[in-house]
Amino acid sequence: MEARLDHLVGCVWFWVWALVGFGLALGTVSLGPLLTWPLGLLALWLASRETVRRSAFGLLTGAGGLCLFVAWLQQGGDSLDARPWLAFGLVFTLAGLVGHARRSD
């Protein structure tokens, strides 16, 4: 039972990190310090706790989620080529998921 609870807690923290990663990526490409500074400070605070830091691969998944969202928005080819966004999104998302799964073992 304790192993299942540890797994659940790790998954929750992974998705918290993913939201932070999504926000940091969004701040980096568009909003700048308005979003990057507060989320950067939050990430530093989260990283100071060992239990939470073990799920930090969620940052990659969150950044990949933003790339996948941009690829989806640009699928019509109006202004940006969606293929690089799709490629980076898939790589980042999968790297975060696989990294977290391997670390949790």
N, C-alpha and C. Protein backbone atom coordinates (compact mmCIF):
# COMPACT_ATOMS: atom_id res chain seq x y z
N MET A 1 0.82 -1.19 0.00
CA MET A 1 0.00 0.00 0.00
C MET A 1 0.87 1.27 0.00
N GLU A 2 1.96 1.23 0.74
CA GLU A 2 2.85 2.38 0.82
C GLU A 2 3.52 2.65 -0.52
N ALA A 3 3.85 1.60 -1.27
CA ALA A 3 4.46 1.78 -2.59
C ALA A 3 3.48 2.45 -3.54
N ARG A 4 2.21 2.09 -3.47
CA ARG A 4 1.21 2.72 -4.33
C ARG A 4 1.04 4.19 -3.99
N LEU A 5 1.07 4.51 -2.71
CA LEU A 5 0.95 5.89 -2.28
C LEU A 5 2.16 6.70 -2.75
N ASP A 6 3.35 6.13 -2.63
CA ASP A 6 4.56 6.80 -3.11
C ASP A 6 4.48 7.05 -4.61
N HIS A 7 3.97 6.07 -5.34
CA HIS A 7 3.81 6.23 -6.79
C HIS A 7 2.83 7.35 -7.11
N LEU A 8 1.71 7.38 -6.41
CA LEU A 8 0.70 8.41 -6.63
C LEU A 8 1.26 9.81 -6.33
N VAL A 9 1.98 9.92 -5.23
CA VAL A 9 2.59 11.21 -4.87
C VAL A 9 3.60 11.63 -5.93
N GLY A 10 4.39 10.68 -6.42
CA GLY A 10 5.35 10.99 -7.48
C GLY A 10 4.68 11.45 -8.75
N CYS A 11 3.55 10.84 -9.09
CA CYS A 11 2.81 11.25 -10.29
C CYS A 11 2.23 12.65 -10.14
N VAL A 12 1.71 12.95 -8.97
CA VAL A 12 1.16 14.29 -8.73
C VAL A 12 2.25 15.33 -8.87
N TRP A 13 3.41 15.07 -8.26
CA TRP A 13 4.50 16.03 -8.37
C TRP A 13 5.01 16.11 -9.79
N PHE A 14 5.01 15.03 -10.53
CA PHE A 14 5.41 15.07 -11.94
C PHE A 14 4.54 16.04 -12.72
N TRP A 15 3.22 15.98 -12.50
CA TRP A 15 2.31 16.87 -13.24
C TRP A 15 2.39 18.30 -12.75
N VAL A 16 2.74 18.51 -11.48
CA VAL A 16 3.00 19.87 -11.01
C VAL A 16 4.22 20.43 -11.74
N TRP A 17 5.28 19.61 -11.84
CA TRP A 17 6.46 20.03 -12.59
C TRP A 17 6.12 20.28 -14.06
N ALA A 18 5.24 19.47 -14.62
CA ALA A 18 4.87 19.65 -16.02
C ALA A 18 4.17 21.00 -16.21
N LEU A 19 3.31 21.38 -15.30
CA LEU A 19 2.67 22.70 -15.40
C LEU A 19 3.70 23.82 -15.28
N VAL A 20 4.65 23.66 -14.38
CA VAL A 20 5.71 24.65 -14.25
C VAL A 20 6.54 24.70 -15.52
N GLY A 21 6.86 23.55 -16.09
CA GLY A 21 7.63 23.51 -17.34
C GLY A 21 6.89 24.16 -18.50
N PHE A 22 5.58 23.92 -18.57
CA PHE A 22 4.76 24.54 -19.61
C PHE A 22 4.80 26.06 -19.45
N GLY A 23 4.63 26.53 -18.23
CA GLY A 23 4.66 27.97 -17.98
C GLY A 23 6.02 28.59 -18.24
N LEU A 24 7.09 27.90 -17.85
CA LEU A 24 8.43 28.42 -18.12
C LEU A 24 8.71 28.49 -19.62
N ALA A 25 8.28 27.46 -20.35
CA ALA A 25 8.47 27.47 -21.80
C ALA A 25 7.66 28.60 -22.43
N LEU A 26 6.43 28.78 -21.98
CA LEU A 26 5.60 29.87 -22.50
C LEU A 26 6.22 31.22 -22.19
N GLY A 27 6.72 31.38 -20.98
CA GLY A 27 7.39 32.63 -20.63
C GLY A 27 8.64 32.87 -21.45
N THR A 28 9.35 31.80 -21.76
CA THR A 28 10.57 31.93 -22.54
C THR A 28 10.29 32.37 -23.97
N VAL A 29 9.24 31.83 -24.58
CA VAL A 29 8.98 32.15 -25.99
C VAL A 29 8.07 33.35 -26.19
N SER A 30 7.37 33.80 -25.14
CA SER A 30 6.44 34.90 -25.41
C SER A 30 6.36 35.95 -24.32
N LEU A 31 6.10 35.57 -23.11
CA LEU A 31 5.79 36.55 -22.07
C LEU A 31 7.01 37.06 -21.31
N GLY A 32 8.14 36.43 -21.49
CA GLY A 32 9.36 36.89 -20.85
C GLY A 32 9.31 36.81 -19.33
N PRO A 33 9.91 37.81 -18.68
CA PRO A 33 10.04 37.75 -17.21
C PRO A 33 8.72 37.80 -16.46
N LEU A 34 7.66 38.24 -17.11
CA LEU A 34 6.36 38.30 -16.44
C LEU A 34 5.95 36.93 -15.91
N LEU A 35 6.24 35.89 -16.64
CA LEU A 35 5.89 34.53 -16.23
C LEU A 35 7.12 33.74 -15.80
N THR A 36 8.27 34.04 -16.38
CA THR A 36 9.47 33.25 -16.13
C THR A 36 9.99 33.43 -14.70
N TRP A 37 10.02 34.65 -14.21
CA TRP A 37 10.56 34.89 -12.86
C TRP A 37 9.77 34.19 -11.77
N PRO A 38 8.45 34.38 -11.71
CA PRO A 38 7.71 33.70 -10.63
C PRO A 38 7.79 32.18 -10.72
N LEU A 39 7.70 31.65 -11.95
CA LEU A 39 7.76 30.19 -12.08
C LEU A 39 9.17 29.67 -11.85
N GLY A 40 10.17 30.46 -12.19
CA GLY A 40 11.55 30.08 -11.89
C GLY A 40 11.79 30.00 -10.39
N LEU A 41 11.24 30.97 -9.67
CA LEU A 41 11.36 30.92 -8.21
C LEU A 41 10.60 29.74 -7.63
N LEU A 42 9.43 29.45 -8.19
CA LEU A 42 8.67 28.28 -7.75
C LEU A 42 9.46 27.00 -8.02
N ALA A 43 10.09 26.92 -9.18
CA ALA A 43 10.89 25.74 -9.52
C ALA A 43 12.06 25.57 -8.56
N LEU A 44 12.70 26.67 -8.20
CA LEU A 44 13.80 26.58 -7.22
C LEU A 44 13.31 26.10 -5.87
N TRP A 45 12.14 26.60 -5.46
CA TRP A 45 11.58 26.16 -4.19
C TRP A 45 11.22 24.67 -4.24
N LEU A 46 10.61 24.24 -5.35
CA LEU A 46 10.26 22.83 -5.49
C LEU A 46 11.51 21.95 -5.50
N ALA A 47 12.56 22.43 -6.16
CA ALA A 47 13.79 21.63 -6.27
C ALA A 47 14.52 21.51 -4.93
N SER A 48 14.17 22.33 -3.98
CA SER A 48 14.85 22.26 -2.68
C SER A 48 14.33 21.10 -1.83
N ARG A 49 13.28 20.45 -2.26
CA ARG A 49 12.71 19.33 -1.51
C ARG A 49 12.99 18.03 -2.27
N GLU A 50 13.65 17.09 -1.62
CA GLU A 50 14.08 15.84 -2.28
C GLU A 50 12.92 15.06 -2.88
N THR A 51 11.85 14.91 -2.17
CA THR A 51 10.70 14.13 -2.66
C THR A 51 10.13 14.75 -3.93
N VAL A 52 10.07 16.05 -3.96
CA VAL A 52 9.51 16.76 -5.10
C VAL A 52 10.50 16.78 -6.26
N ARG A 53 11.78 16.94 -5.96
CA ARG A 53 12.82 17.04 -6.99
C ARG A 53 12.92 15.76 -7.83
N ARG A 54 12.56 14.62 -7.25
CA ARG A 54 12.65 13.36 -7.99
C ARG A 54 11.70 13.31 -9.18
N SER A 55 10.70 14.17 -9.22
CA SER A 55 9.73 14.19 -10.31
C SER A 55 9.99 15.33 -11.30
N ALA A 56 11.17 15.92 -11.26
CA ALA A 56 11.47 17.11 -12.07
C ALA A 56 11.52 16.83 -13.57
N PHE A 57 11.48 15.57 -13.98
CA PHE A 57 11.41 15.29 -15.41
C PHE A 57 10.12 15.86 -16.01
N GLY A 58 9.17 16.20 -15.16
CA GLY A 58 7.95 16.83 -15.62
C GLY A 58 8.21 18.15 -16.33
N LEU A 59 9.32 18.82 -16.01
CA LEU A 59 9.67 20.06 -16.71
C LEU A 59 9.78 19.82 -18.21
N LEU A 60 10.44 18.74 -18.60
CA LEU A 60 10.56 18.41 -20.02
C LEU A 60 9.20 18.12 -20.64
N THR A 61 8.39 17.39 -19.93
CA THR A 61 7.06 17.06 -20.45
C THR A 61 6.22 18.32 -20.62
N GLY A 62 6.31 19.24 -19.69
CA GLY A 62 5.58 20.50 -19.80
C GLY A 62 6.04 21.34 -20.98
N ALA A 63 7.37 21.43 -21.18
CA ALA A 63 7.90 22.17 -22.32
C ALA A 63 7.47 21.49 -23.62
N GLY A 64 7.48 20.16 -23.62
CA GLY A 64 7.02 19.42 -24.80
C GLY A 64 5.54 19.65 -25.06
N GLY A 65 4.76 19.78 -24.00
CA GLY A 65 3.33 20.06 -24.16
C GLY A 65 3.10 21.39 -24.86
N LEU A 66 3.91 22.39 -24.51
CA LEU A 66 3.78 23.68 -25.20
C LEU A 66 4.13 23.55 -26.67
N CYS A 67 5.19 22.83 -26.97
CA CYS A 67 5.58 22.62 -28.38
C CYS A 67 4.47 21.89 -29.15
N LEU A 68 3.88 20.89 -28.53
CA LEU A 68 2.78 20.17 -29.18
C LEU A 68 1.57 21.07 -29.39
N PHE A 69 1.31 21.95 -28.44
CA PHE A 69 0.20 22.89 -28.58
C PHE A 69 0.44 23.85 -29.74
N VAL A 70 1.66 24.37 -29.85
CA VAL A 70 1.99 25.26 -30.97
C VAL A 70 1.89 24.51 -32.29
N ALA A 71 2.35 23.28 -32.33
CA ALA A 71 2.22 22.48 -33.55
C ALA A 71 0.77 22.29 -33.93
N TRP A 72 -0.08 22.04 -32.95
CA TRP A 72 -1.50 21.87 -33.23
C TRP A 72 -2.12 23.16 -33.76
N LEU A 73 -1.72 24.30 -33.17
CA LEU A 73 -2.24 25.58 -33.64
C LEU A 73 -1.80 25.88 -35.07
N GLN A 74 -0.61 25.42 -35.45
CA GLN A 74 -0.05 25.74 -36.76
C GLN A 74 -0.23 24.64 -37.78
N GLN A 75 -1.11 23.71 -37.52
CA GLN A 75 -1.26 22.57 -38.44
C GLN A 75 -1.75 22.99 -39.82
N GLY A 76 -2.40 24.14 -39.94
CA GLY A 76 -2.84 24.63 -41.24
C GLY A 76 -1.71 25.27 -42.02
N GLY A 77 -0.59 25.54 -41.39
CA GLY A 77 0.56 26.12 -42.07
C GLY A 77 0.42 27.59 -42.35
N ASP A 78 -0.35 28.31 -41.52
CA ASP A 78 -0.58 29.73 -41.77
C ASP A 78 0.68 30.56 -41.64
N SER A 79 1.42 30.41 -40.54
CA SER A 79 2.60 31.25 -40.37
C SER A 79 3.85 30.47 -39.97
N LEU A 80 3.70 29.42 -39.20
CA LEU A 80 4.85 28.63 -38.77
C LEU A 80 4.72 27.21 -39.32
N ASP A 81 5.85 26.60 -39.61
CA ASP A 81 5.85 25.19 -39.99
C ASP A 81 5.66 24.36 -38.72
N ALA A 82 4.65 23.55 -38.69
CA ALA A 82 4.31 22.80 -37.49
C ALA A 82 5.26 21.62 -37.24
N ARG A 83 5.95 21.15 -38.26
CA ARG A 83 6.77 19.94 -38.10
C ARG A 83 7.88 20.06 -37.06
N PRO A 84 8.67 21.16 -37.03
CA PRO A 84 9.69 21.24 -35.97
C PRO A 84 9.08 21.30 -34.57
N TRP A 85 7.98 22.01 -34.43
CA TRP A 85 7.30 22.07 -33.14
C TRP A 85 6.82 20.69 -32.72
N LEU A 86 6.28 19.94 -33.68
CA LEU A 86 5.81 18.59 -33.40
C LEU A 86 6.98 17.69 -33.00
N ALA A 87 8.08 17.77 -33.73
CA ALA A 87 9.24 16.93 -33.43
C ALA A 87 9.79 17.22 -32.03
N PHE A 88 10.01 18.51 -31.74
CA PHE A 88 10.53 18.86 -30.41
C PHE A 88 9.53 18.51 -29.32
N GLY A 89 8.25 18.72 -29.59
CA GLY A 89 7.23 18.38 -28.61
C GLY A 89 7.22 16.91 -28.27
N LEU A 90 7.31 16.08 -29.30
CA LEU A 90 7.33 14.63 -29.06
C LEU A 90 8.58 14.20 -28.30
N VAL A 91 9.73 14.75 -28.70
CA VAL A 91 10.99 14.38 -28.03
C VAL A 91 10.97 14.81 -26.57
N PHE A 92 10.59 16.06 -26.30
CA PHE A 92 10.57 16.54 -24.92
C PHE A 92 9.55 15.80 -24.07
N THR A 93 8.36 15.60 -24.61
CA THR A 93 7.32 14.92 -23.85
C THR A 93 7.71 13.49 -23.53
N LEU A 94 8.18 12.78 -24.53
CA LEU A 94 8.58 11.39 -24.30
C LEU A 94 9.79 11.28 -23.40
N ALA A 95 10.75 12.19 -23.55
CA ALA A 95 11.93 12.17 -22.69
C ALA A 95 11.54 12.39 -21.23
N GLY A 96 10.62 13.29 -20.99
CA GLY A 96 10.16 13.53 -19.62
C GLY A 96 9.43 12.33 -19.05
N LEU A 97 8.54 11.74 -19.84
CA LEU A 97 7.79 10.57 -19.37
C LEU A 97 8.69 9.37 -19.13
N VAL A 98 9.59 9.10 -20.06
CA VAL A 98 10.49 7.95 -19.91
C VAL A 98 11.47 8.20 -18.75
N GLY A 99 11.99 9.42 -18.65
CA GLY A 99 12.90 9.73 -17.55
C GLY A 99 12.25 9.56 -16.20
N HIS A 100 11.02 10.01 -16.09
CA HIS A 100 10.30 9.86 -14.82
C HIS A 100 10.01 8.40 -14.52
N ALA A 101 9.61 7.65 -15.54
CA ALA A 101 9.31 6.23 -15.33
C ALA A 101 10.57 5.47 -14.91
N ARG A 102 11.69 5.77 -15.53
CA ARG A 102 12.93 5.08 -15.18
C ARG A 102 13.42 5.48 -13.79
N ARG A 103 13.23 6.72 -13.44
CA ARG A 103 13.66 7.20 -12.12
C ARG A 103 12.78 6.62 -11.02
N SER A 104 11.52 6.38 -11.33
CA SER A 104 10.60 5.87 -10.32
C SER A 104 10.83 4.40 -10.00
N ASP A 105 11.51 3.69 -10.87
CA ASP A 105 11.74 2.25 -10.64
C ASP A 105 12.59 1.98 -9.44
